[in-house]
Amino acid sequence: MQVVKKLLLWLLAFFLFLLLLMPKTALYYKLESFLSHYDIKIEEGKTVETPISFLVDGAAVYAKGIKFARIAKIKVVPLLVYDSVTVDEVVFDDLAADKIGKKIDTIRARYDLSDPLHIKIEASGDFGKAKGLYDLRKRLLHLRFIDAKKIDALRPWLKQDKEGWYYEKQF
């Protein structure tokens, strides 16, 4: 029994050290590298790495060299068994606001090992509220607009069924 307790204690200590010493900034820069393939660049303001999270304050988003949004805060919490990304206050520039709306209040994406093939997504903004998921196997994003308000700008990309408006894209 003592051997089992020691083994579990060592595994717990290893997990905690791995969690605390994990290079969280490297995960963020990997995301930037991934987005660069689509000509999207995130120019961050102030970055802060804490023992369990990574924060970016005041980021600007560029697509093909043109600034189209400002993000107040991005918080990444990689806990290995439960990961989350929260994006607060995305304000689009006038050029993009005509196509997709003026503001997104929050976007939350969560991944946990209880459902390893899906990333759960929630968003709220001028358009109302949306919930959905990204299927990792099918590479399919599905967002359902629950409380659709100002979706006129988004309508060209949305589909409608008996439950309401939704967005679906495979990538």
Protein backbone atom coordinates (compact mmCIF):
# COMPACT_ATOMS: atom_id res chain seq x y z
CA MET A 1 0.00 0.00 0.00
CA GLN A 2 2.89 2.36 0.76
CA VAL A 3 4.28 1.83 -2.73
CA VAL A 4 0.94 2.78 -4.32
CA LYS A 5 0.70 5.92 -2.18
CA LYS A 6 4.24 6.95 -3.12
CA LEU A 7 3.58 6.31 -6.80
CA LEU A 8 0.38 8.39 -6.72
CA LEU A 9 2.14 11.17 -4.85
CA TRP A 10 4.97 11.22 -7.39
CA LEU A 11 2.48 11.26 -10.29
CA LEU A 12 0.58 14.14 -8.69
CA ALA A 13 3.80 16.07 -8.09
CA PHE A 14 4.89 15.44 -11.70
CA PHE A 15 1.54 16.67 -13.01
CA LEU A 16 1.69 19.84 -10.88
CA PHE A 17 5.27 20.61 -11.95
CA LEU A 18 4.35 19.99 -15.58
CA LEU A 19 1.37 22.32 -15.23
CA LEU A 20 3.37 25.07 -13.54
CA LEU A 21 6.43 24.85 -15.79
CA MET A 22 4.57 24.39 -19.08
CA PRO A 23 5.57 27.12 -21.57
CA LYS A 24 2.19 28.82 -21.95
CA THR A 25 3.57 31.57 -24.17
CA ALA A 26 4.74 28.91 -26.62
CA LEU A 27 1.12 27.73 -27.01
CA TYR A 28 0.03 31.28 -27.81
CA TYR A 29 2.79 31.74 -30.39
CA LYS A 30 1.83 28.40 -31.95
CA LEU A 31 -1.69 29.80 -32.40
CA GLU A 32 -0.23 32.91 -34.04
CA SER A 33 1.78 30.69 -36.37
CA PHE A 34 -1.34 28.70 -37.28
CA LEU A 35 -3.32 31.87 -38.02
CA SER A 36 -0.52 33.25 -40.20
CA HIS A 37 -1.31 30.54 -42.77
CA TYR A 38 -4.65 32.33 -43.26
CA ASP A 39 -3.00 35.81 -43.44
CA ILE A 40 -4.30 36.67 -39.97
CA LYS A 41 -1.91 38.34 -37.52
CA ILE A 42 -2.47 39.12 -33.85
CA GLU A 43 -0.35 42.00 -32.64
CA GLU A 44 -0.42 41.81 -28.88
CA GLY A 45 -0.12 44.64 -26.43
CA LYS A 46 0.84 43.49 -22.94
CA THR A 47 1.40 39.79 -22.20
CA VAL A 48 1.40 38.24 -18.73
CA GLU A 49 2.15 34.62 -17.86
CA THR A 50 0.86 33.37 -14.51
CA PRO A 51 1.48 29.90 -13.04
CA ILE A 52 -1.74 28.52 -14.55
CA SER A 53 -2.71 30.96 -17.31
CA PHE A 54 -1.55 33.34 -20.00
CA LEU A 55 -3.07 36.80 -20.58
CA VAL A 56 -2.88 39.18 -23.53
CA ASP A 57 -4.20 42.72 -23.00
CA GLY A 58 -4.96 45.05 -25.89
CA ALA A 59 -4.43 42.91 -28.99
CA ALA A 60 -5.03 44.13 -32.53
CA VAL A 61 -6.09 41.68 -35.25
CA TYR A 62 -4.96 42.14 -38.86
CA ALA A 63 -6.20 40.27 -41.92
CA LYS A 64 -4.05 40.56 -45.03
CA GLY A 65 -2.30 43.54 -43.44
CA ILE A 66 -5.50 45.47 -42.69
CA LYS A 67 -6.51 46.03 -39.07
CA PHE A 68 -10.06 44.86 -38.60
CA ALA A 69 -10.52 44.30 -34.84
CA ARG A 70 -9.30 45.23 -31.39
CA ILE A 71 -9.44 42.70 -28.53
CA ALA A 72 -9.44 43.94 -24.93
CA LYS A 73 -8.29 40.67 -23.29
CA ILE A 74 -7.42 37.09 -24.18
CA LYS A 75 -7.03 34.58 -21.35
CA VAL A 76 -5.67 31.08 -22.00
CA VAL A 77 -5.85 28.46 -19.22
CA PRO A 78 -4.14 25.20 -20.27
CA LEU A 79 -4.75 22.67 -17.47
CA LEU A 80 -4.13 19.62 -19.70
CA VAL A 81 -7.38 17.89 -18.66
CA TYR A 82 -9.47 21.07 -18.98
CA ASP A 83 -8.34 23.88 -21.28
CA SER A 84 -10.14 27.16 -21.87
CA VAL A 85 -9.70 30.30 -23.93
CA THR A 86 -11.72 33.44 -23.14
CA VAL A 87 -11.72 36.45 -25.45
CA ASP A 88 -13.31 39.63 -24.05
CA GLU A 89 -14.55 42.69 -25.94
CA VAL A 90 -13.81 42.24 -29.62
CA VAL A 91 -14.57 45.56 -31.31
CA PHE A 92 -14.52 45.54 -35.10
CA ASP A 93 -13.33 48.48 -37.18
CA ASP A 94 -15.88 50.25 -39.38
CA LEU A 95 -14.82 48.33 -42.49
CA ALA A 96 -15.48 44.93 -40.85
CA ALA A 97 -18.46 46.08 -38.77
CA ASP A 98 -20.58 46.47 -41.91
CA LYS A 99 -20.07 42.78 -42.73
CA ILE A 100 -20.09 41.06 -39.30
CA GLY A 101 -21.42 43.48 -36.71
CA LYS A 102 -19.80 45.99 -34.39
CA LYS A 103 -18.92 44.06 -31.22
CA ILE A 104 -18.56 40.65 -29.58
CA ASP A 105 -18.67 40.83 -25.79
CA THR A 106 -17.20 37.42 -24.95
CA ILE A 107 -16.12 34.23 -26.68
CA ARG A 108 -15.37 31.15 -24.58
CA ALA A 109 -13.91 27.94 -25.94
CA ARG A 110 -13.50 24.93 -23.62
CA TYR A 111 -11.92 21.54 -24.12
CA ASP A 112 -11.94 18.74 -21.56
CA LEU A 113 -11.11 15.07 -21.57
CA SER A 114 -14.69 14.01 -20.79
CA ASP A 115 -15.52 14.88 -24.43
CA PRO A 116 -12.17 14.63 -26.27
CA LEU A 117 -13.54 15.04 -29.81
CA HIS A 118 -15.33 18.38 -29.29
CA ILE A 119 -14.47 21.93 -28.31
CA LYS A 120 -17.44 23.72 -26.75
CA ILE A 121 -17.93 27.35 -27.79
CA GLU A 122 -20.12 30.12 -26.37
CA ALA A 123 -20.33 33.71 -27.58
CA SER A 124 -22.37 36.81 -26.86
CA GLY A 125 -22.45 40.19 -28.51
CA ASP A 126 -24.54 42.52 -30.66
CA PHE A 127 -25.95 39.45 -32.43
CA GLY A 128 -27.31 37.98 -29.19
CA LYS A 129 -26.02 34.66 -27.85
CA ALA A 130 -24.56 31.69 -29.67
CA LYS A 131 -23.55 28.22 -28.50
CA GLY A 132 -21.94 25.42 -30.40
CA LEU A 133 -19.02 23.16 -30.82
CA TYR A 134 -16.12 22.32 -33.05
CA ASP A 135 -15.94 18.64 -34.00
CA LEU A 136 -12.25 17.72 -34.14
CA ARG A 137 -12.84 14.53 -36.11
CA LYS A 138 -15.04 16.07 -38.83
CA ARG A 139 -13.28 19.47 -38.58
CA LEU A 140 -16.74 21.06 -38.46
CA LEU A 141 -17.73 24.23 -36.60
CA HIS A 142 -21.42 24.47 -35.70
CA LEU A 143 -22.79 27.56 -33.89
CA ARG A 144 -26.47 27.92 -33.00
CA PHE A 145 -27.81 31.45 -32.39
CA ILE A 146 -30.03 31.17 -29.34
CA ASP A 147 -31.11 34.75 -28.76
CA ALA A 148 -30.63 36.23 -32.23
CA LYS A 149 -30.86 40.02 -32.24
CA LYS A 150 -28.95 42.02 -34.84
CA ILE A 151 -28.00 39.27 -37.29
CA ASP A 152 -28.74 41.12 -40.52
CA ALA A 153 -25.03 41.57 -41.24
CA LEU A 154 -24.40 37.86 -40.58
CA ARG A 155 -27.37 36.50 -42.54
CA PRO A 156 -25.44 35.75 -45.77
CA TRP A 157 -23.37 33.16 -43.85
CA LEU A 158 -26.19 31.72 -41.71
CA LYS A 159 -28.63 28.91 -42.40
CA GLN A 160 -32.06 28.49 -40.89
CA ASP A 161 -34.00 25.44 -39.74
CA LYS A 162 -36.99 24.87 -37.45
CA GLU A 163 -34.81 25.55 -34.35
CA GLY A 164 -33.57 28.91 -35.64
CA TRP A 165 -30.41 30.37 -37.17
CA TYR A 166 -27.07 28.57 -37.22
CA TYR A 167 -23.61 28.83 -38.76
CA GLU A 168 -21.73 25.80 -40.05
CA LYS A 169 -18.29 25.66 -41.65
CA GLN A 170 -15.87 22.85 -42.24
CA PHE A 171 -12.15 23.57 -41.98
